[in-house]
Amino acid sequence: MNQGTTRQFHCPRCRKPVAWEGNPWRPFCSEKCRLVDLGRWAQEEYVIAGEKVSEEESDNNN
């Protein structure tokens, strides 16, 4: 890879091509995309695969 080239990638939310270097919201293209993604995690639209843990078990591990 040439030193003069900027690494490009696609925003995981809107798929817009964006530069990696100098991007304060990476891997997103903007603060809006970053906040929309965070909101989806908060609304539990995204989940990580695995077994459900009961609240009781979770409390016992703290």
PDB file of N, CA and C in Angstrom:
ATOM      1  N   MET A   1       0.845  -1.181   0.000  1.00  0.00           N
ATOM      2  CA  MET A   1       0.000   0.000   0.000  1.00  0.00           C
ATOM      3  C   MET A   1       0.886   1.238   0.000  1.00  0.00           C
ATOM      4  N   ASN A   2       0.575   2.187  -0.838  1.00  0.00           N
ATOM      5  CA  ASN A   2       1.348   3.423  -0.905  1.00  0.00           C
ATOM      6  C   ASN A   2       1.105   4.272   0.327  1.00  0.00           C
ATOM      7  N   GLN A   3       2.130   5.002   0.755  1.00  0.00           N
ATOM      8  CA  GLN A   3       1.974   5.860   1.920  1.00  0.00           C
ATOM      9  C   GLN A   3       1.055   7.040   1.634  1.00  0.00           C
ATOM     10  N   GLY A   4       0.905   7.434   0.395  1.00  0.00           N
ATOM     11  CA  GLY A   4       0.076   8.572   0.036  1.00  0.00           C
ATOM     12  C   GLY A   4      -1.401   8.241  -0.087  1.00  0.00           C
ATOM     13  N   THR A   5      -1.763   6.955  -0.021  1.00  0.00           N
ATOM     14  CA  THR A   5      -3.168   6.585  -0.157  1.00  0.00           C
ATOM     15  C   THR A   5      -3.856   6.556   1.194  1.00  0.00           C
ATOM     16  N   THR A   6      -5.139   6.860   1.175  1.00  0.00           N
ATOM     17  CA  THR A   6      -5.937   6.831   2.390  1.00  0.00           C
ATOM     18  C   THR A   6      -6.783   5.570   2.383  1.00  0.00           C
ATOM     19  N   ARG A   7      -6.783   4.871   3.490  1.00  0.00           N
ATOM     20  CA  ARG A   7      -7.560   3.641   3.593  1.00  0.00           C
ATOM     21  C   ARG A   7      -9.050   3.979   3.599  1.00  0.00           C
ATOM     22  N   GLN A   8      -9.800   3.330   2.736  1.00  0.00           N
ATOM     23  CA  GLN A   8     -11.235   3.554   2.606  1.00  0.00           C
ATOM     24  C   GLN A   8     -11.987   2.332   3.140  1.00  0.00           C
ATOM     25  N   PHE A   9     -13.173   2.561   3.671  1.00  0.00           N
ATOM     26  CA  PHE A   9     -14.045   1.498   4.128  1.00  0.00           C
ATOM     27  C   PHE A   9     -15.476   1.982   3.997  1.00  0.00           C
ATOM     28  N   HIS A  10     -16.428   1.140   4.296  1.00  0.00           N
ATOM     29  CA  HIS A  10     -17.840   1.511   4.215  1.00  0.00           C
ATOM     30  C   HIS A  10     -18.415   1.605   5.619  1.00  0.00           C
ATOM     31  N   CYS A  11     -19.205   2.654   5.841  1.00  0.00           N
ATOM     32  CA  CYS A  11     -19.900   2.846   7.112  1.00  0.00           C
ATOM     33  C   CYS A  11     -20.782   1.617   7.355  1.00  0.00           C
ATOM     34  N   PRO A  12     -20.711   0.998   8.552  1.00  0.00           N
ATOM     35  CA  PRO A  12     -21.524  -0.192   8.800  1.00  0.00           C
ATOM     36  C   PRO A  12     -23.027   0.078   8.819  1.00  0.00           C
ATOM     37  N   ARG A  13     -23.442   1.321   8.983  1.00  0.00           N
ATOM     38  CA  ARG A  13     -24.868   1.641   9.023  1.00  0.00           C
ATOM     39  C   ARG A  13     -25.408   2.004   7.648  1.00  0.00           C
ATOM     40  N   CYS A  14     -24.809   2.987   6.971  1.00  0.00           N
ATOM     41  CA  CYS A  14     -25.369   3.483   5.699  1.00  0.00           C
ATOM     42  C   CYS A  14     -24.587   3.017   4.469  1.00  0.00           C
ATOM     43  N   ARG A  15     -23.448   2.377   4.686  1.00  0.00           N
ATOM     44  CA  ARG A  15     -22.598   1.835   3.610  1.00  0.00           C
ATOM     45  C   ARG A  15     -21.911   2.905   2.775  1.00  0.00           C
ATOM     46  N   LYS A  16     -21.923   4.145   3.209  1.00  0.00           N
ATOM     47  CA  LYS A  16     -21.240   5.231   2.501  1.00  0.00           C
ATOM     48  C   LYS A  16     -19.726   5.016   2.603  1.00  0.00           C
ATOM     49  N   PRO A  17     -18.975   5.196   1.503  1.00  0.00           N
ATOM     50  CA  PRO A  17     -17.524   5.057   1.599  1.00  0.00           C
ATOM     51  C   PRO A  17     -16.916   6.223   2.387  1.00  0.00           C
ATOM     52  N   VAL A  18     -16.001   5.893   3.291  1.00  0.00           N
ATOM     53  CA  VAL A  18     -15.371   6.910   4.134  1.00  0.00           C
ATOM     54  C   VAL A  18     -13.902   6.592   4.344  1.00  0.00           C
ATOM     55  N   ALA A  19     -13.116   7.630   4.613  1.00  0.00           N
ATOM     56  CA  ALA A  19     -11.695   7.453   4.909  1.00  0.00           C
ATOM     57  C   ALA A  19     -11.540   7.055   6.374  1.00  0.00           C
ATOM     58  N   TRP A  20     -10.593   6.166   6.660  1.00  0.00           N
ATOM     59  CA  TRP A  20     -10.332   5.734   8.038  1.00  0.00           C
ATOM     60  C   TRP A  20      -9.553   6.802   8.797  1.00  0.00           C
ATOM     61  N   GLU A  21      -8.494   7.300   8.187  1.00  0.00           N
ATOM     62  CA  GLU A  21      -7.625   8.279   8.840  1.00  0.00           C
ATOM     63  C   GLU A  21      -8.349   9.604   9.059  1.00  0.00           C
ATOM     64  N   GLY A  22      -8.212  10.155  10.241  1.00  0.00           N
ATOM     65  CA  GLY A  22      -8.775  11.455  10.545  1.00  0.00           C
ATOM     66  C   GLY A  22     -10.278  11.457  10.752  1.00  0.00           C
ATOM     67  N   ASN A  23     -10.891  10.286  10.837  1.00  0.00           N
ATOM     68  CA  ASN A  23     -12.340  10.195  11.018  1.00  0.00           C
ATOM     69  C   ASN A  23     -12.649   9.994  12.506  1.00  0.00           C
ATOM     70  N   PRO A  24     -13.183  11.010  13.196  1.00  0.00           N
ATOM     71  CA  PRO A  24     -13.434  10.888  14.633  1.00  0.00           C
ATOM     72  C   PRO A  24     -14.575   9.936  14.986  1.00  0.00           C
ATOM     73  N   TRP A  25     -15.385   9.518  14.005  1.00  0.00           N
ATOM     74  CA  TRP A  25     -16.529   8.647  14.286  1.00  0.00           C
ATOM     75  C   TRP A  25     -16.298   7.224  13.808  1.00  0.00           C
ATOM     76  N   ARG A  26     -15.074   6.908  13.375  1.00  0.00           N
ATOM     77  CA  ARG A  26     -14.857   5.591  12.806  1.00  0.00           C
ATOM     78  C   ARG A  26     -15.293   4.491  13.757  1.00  0.00           C
ATOM     79  N   PRO A  27     -15.869   3.437  13.296  1.00  0.00           N
ATOM     80  CA  PRO A  27     -15.969   3.027  11.903  1.00  0.00           C
ATOM     81  C   PRO A  27     -17.153   3.636  11.152  1.00  0.00           C
ATOM     82  N   PHE A  28     -17.861   4.585  11.755  1.00  0.00           N
ATOM     83  CA  PHE A  28     -19.014   5.203  11.104  1.00  0.00           C
ATOM     84  C   PHE A  28     -18.589   6.428  10.304  1.00  0.00           C
ATOM     85  N   CYS A  29     -19.473   6.883   9.416  1.00  0.00           N
ATOM     86  CA  CYS A  29     -19.146   8.041   8.577  1.00  0.00           C
ATOM     87  C   CYS A  29     -19.469   9.356   9.271  1.00  0.00           C
ATOM     88  N   SER A  30     -20.334   9.320  10.286  1.00  0.00           N
ATOM     89  CA  SER A  30     -20.762  10.552  10.934  1.00  0.00           C
ATOM     90  C   SER A  30     -21.238  10.261  12.353  1.00  0.00           C
ATOM     91  N   GLU A  31     -21.409  11.324  13.105  1.00  0.00           N
ATOM     92  CA  GLU A  31     -21.938  11.174  14.460  1.00  0.00           C
ATOM     93  C   GLU A  31     -23.361  10.618  14.410  1.00  0.00           C
ATOM     94  N   LYS A  32     -24.129  11.032  13.404  1.00  0.00           N
ATOM     95  CA  LYS A  32     -25.504  10.542  13.273  1.00  0.00           C
ATOM     96  C   LYS A  32     -25.529   9.022  13.145  1.00  0.00           C
ATOM     97  N   CYS A  33     -24.717   8.467  12.256  1.00  0.00           N
ATOM     98  CA  CYS A  33     -24.686   7.014  12.086  1.00  0.00           C
ATOM     99  C   CYS A  33     -24.225   6.327  13.374  1.00  0.00           C
ATOM    100  N   ARG A  34     -23.274   6.917  14.051  1.00  0.00           N
ATOM    101  CA  ARG A  34     -22.778   6.355  15.312  1.00  0.00           C
ATOM    102  C   ARG A  34     -23.895   6.310  16.354  1.00  0.00           C
ATOM    103  N   LEU A  35     -24.657   7.402  16.472  1.00  0.00           N
ATOM    104  CA  LEU A  35     -25.731   7.469  17.462  1.00  0.00           C
ATOM    105  C   LEU A  35     -26.910   6.568  17.098  1.00  0.00           C
ATOM    106  N   VAL A  36     -27.220   6.443  15.822  1.00  0.00           N
ATOM    107  CA  VAL A  36     -28.285   5.532  15.399  1.00  0.00           C
ATOM    108  C   VAL A  36     -27.902   4.097  15.772  1.00  0.00           C
ATOM    109  N   ASP A  37     -26.655   3.723  15.525  1.00  0.00           N
ATOM    110  CA  ASP A  37     -26.193   2.382  15.879  1.00  0.00           C
ATOM    111  C   ASP A  37     -26.251   2.165  17.388  1.00  0.00           C
ATOM    112  N   LEU A  38     -25.808   3.127  18.170  1.00  0.00           N
ATOM    113  CA  LEU A  38     -25.859   3.030  19.625  1.00  0.00           C
ATOM    114  C   LEU A  38     -27.307   2.865  20.095  1.00  0.00           C
ATOM    115  N   GLY A  39     -28.212   3.617  19.506  1.00  0.00           N
ATOM    116  CA  GLY A  39     -29.624   3.502  19.852  1.00  0.00           C
ATOM    117  C   GLY A  39     -30.184   2.130  19.561  1.00  0.00           C
ATOM    118  N   ARG A  40     -29.749   1.527  18.473  1.00  0.00           N
ATOM    119  CA  ARG A  40     -30.223   0.178  18.136  1.00  0.00           C
ATOM    120  C   ARG A  40     -29.731  -0.846  19.154  1.00  0.00           C
ATOM    121  N   TRP A  41     -28.500  -0.684  19.640  1.00  0.00           N
ATOM    122  CA  TRP A  41     -28.013  -1.562  20.709  1.00  0.00           C
ATOM    123  C   TRP A  41     -28.842  -1.340  21.969  1.00  0.00           C
ATOM    124  N   ALA A  42     -29.117  -0.083  22.306  1.00  0.00           N
ATOM    125  CA  ALA A  42     -29.877   0.240  23.520  1.00  0.00           C
ATOM    126  C   ALA A  42     -31.311  -0.304  23.450  1.00  0.00           C
ATOM    127  N   GLN A  43     -31.897  -0.317  22.261  1.00  0.00           N
ATOM    128  CA  GLN A  43     -33.255  -0.842  22.071  1.00  0.00           C
ATOM    129  C   GLN A  43     -33.267  -2.363  21.912  1.00  0.00           C
ATOM    130  N   GLU A  44     -32.086  -2.974  22.028  1.00  0.00           N
ATOM    131  CA  GLU A  44     -31.899  -4.420  21.894  1.00  0.00           C
ATOM    132  C   GLU A  44     -32.311  -4.946  20.527  1.00  0.00           C
ATOM    133  N   GLU A  45     -32.115  -4.103  19.487  1.00  0.00           N
ATOM    134  CA  GLU A  45     -32.332  -4.561  18.120  1.00  0.00           C
ATOM    135  C   GLU A  45     -31.177  -5.454  17.672  1.00  0.00           C
ATOM    136  N   TYR A  46     -30.018  -5.262  18.275  1.00  0.00           N
ATOM    137  CA  TYR A  46     -28.854  -6.102  18.008  1.00  0.00           C
ATOM    138  C   TYR A  46     -28.623  -6.960  19.240  1.00  0.00           C
ATOM    139  N   VAL A  47     -28.225  -8.195  19.024  1.00  0.00           N
ATOM    140  CA  VAL A  47     -27.890  -9.078  20.141  1.00  0.00           C
ATOM    141  C   VAL A  47     -26.637  -9.864  19.781  1.00  0.00           C
ATOM    142  N   ILE A  48     -25.952 -10.308  20.793  1.00  0.00           N
ATOM    143  CA  ILE A  48     -24.790 -11.166  20.615  1.00  0.00           C
ATOM    144  C   ILE A  48     -25.240 -12.585  20.919  1.00  0.00           C
ATOM    145  N   ALA A  49     -24.953 -13.502  20.016  1.00  0.00           N
ATOM    146  CA  ALA A  49     -25.391 -14.883  20.175  1.00  0.00           C
ATOM    147  C   ALA A  49     -24.807 -15.492  21.448  1.00  0.00           C
ATOM    148  N   GLY A  50     -25.605 -16.294  22.095  1.00  0.00           N
ATOM    149  CA  GLY A  50     -25.171 -16.990  23.301  1.00  0.00           C
ATOM    150  C   GLY A  50     -26.376 -17.383  24.129  1.00  0.00           C
ATOM    151  N   GLU A  51     -26.110 -18.094  25.199  1.00  0.00           N
ATOM    152  CA  GLU A  51     -27.187 -18.518  26.074  1.00  0.00           C
ATOM    153  C   GLU A  51     -27.673 -17.358  26.915  1.00  0.00           C
ATOM    154  N   LYS A  52     -28.976 -17.317  27.152  1.00  0.00           N
ATOM    155  CA  LYS A  52     -29.553 -16.300  28.028  1.00  0.00           C
ATOM    156  C   LYS A  52     -29.072 -16.556  29.453  1.00  0.00           C
ATOM    157  N   VAL A  53     -28.791 -15.485  30.167  1.00  0.00           N
ATOM    158  CA  VAL A  53     -28.402 -15.577  31.565  1.00  0.00           C
ATOM    159  C   VAL A  53     -29.515 -14.929  32.371  1.00  0.00           C
ATOM    160  N   SER A  54     -30.011 -15.639  33.372  1.00  0.00           N
ATOM    161  CA  SER A  54     -31.077 -15.073  34.191  1.00  0.00           C
ATOM    162  C   SER A  54     -30.524 -13.919  35.014  1.00  0.00           C
ATOM    163  N   GLU A  55     -31.390 -13.005  35.414  1.00  0.00           N
ATOM    164  CA  GLU A  55     -30.949 -11.871  36.234  1.00  0.00           C
ATOM    165  C   GLU A  55     -30.341 -12.349  37.541  1.00  0.00           C
ATOM    166  N   GLU A  56     -30.867 -13.421  38.087  1.00  0.00           N
ATOM    167  CA  GLU A  56     -30.352 -13.968  39.346  1.00  0.00           C
ATOM    168  C   GLU A  56     -28.902 -14.429  39.181  1.00  0.00           C
ATOM    169  N   GLU A  57     -28.634 -15.164  38.096  1.00  0.00           N
ATOM    170  CA  GLU A  57     -27.264 -15.612  37.825  1.00  0.00           C
ATOM    171  C   GLU A  57     -26.333 -14.439  37.621  1.00  0.00           C
ATOM    172  N   SER A  58     -26.827 -13.438  36.884  1.00  0.00           N
ATOM    173  CA  SER A  58     -26.024 -12.257  36.618  1.00  0.00           C
ATOM    174  C   SER A  58     -25.678 -11.521  37.912  1.00  0.00           C
ATOM    175  N   ASP A  59     -26.648 -11.394  38.827  1.00  0.00           N
ATOM    176  CA  ASP A  59     -26.416 -10.732  40.109  1.00  0.00           C
ATOM    177  C   ASP A  59     -25.421 -11.501  40.967  1.00  0.00           C
ATOM    178  N   ASN A  60     -25.434 -12.827  40.890  1.00  0.00           N
ATOM    179  CA  ASN A  60     -24.524 -13.645  41.690  1.00  0.00           C
ATOM    180  C   ASN A  60     -23.082 -13.535  41.206  1.00  0.00           C
ATOM    181  N   ASN A  61     -22.877 -13.165  39.957  1.00  0.00           N
ATOM    182  CA  ASN A  61     -21.530 -13.044  39.404  1.00  0.00           C
ATOM    183  C   ASN A  61     -20.883 -11.714  39.713  1.00  0.00           C
ATOM    184  N   ASN A  62     -21.605 -10.749  40.271  1.00  0.00           N
ATOM    185  CA  ASN A  62     -21.044  -9.434  40.575  1.00  0.00           C
ATOM    186  C   ASN A  62     -20.453  -9.382  41.917  1.00  0.00           C
TER     187      ASN A  62
END
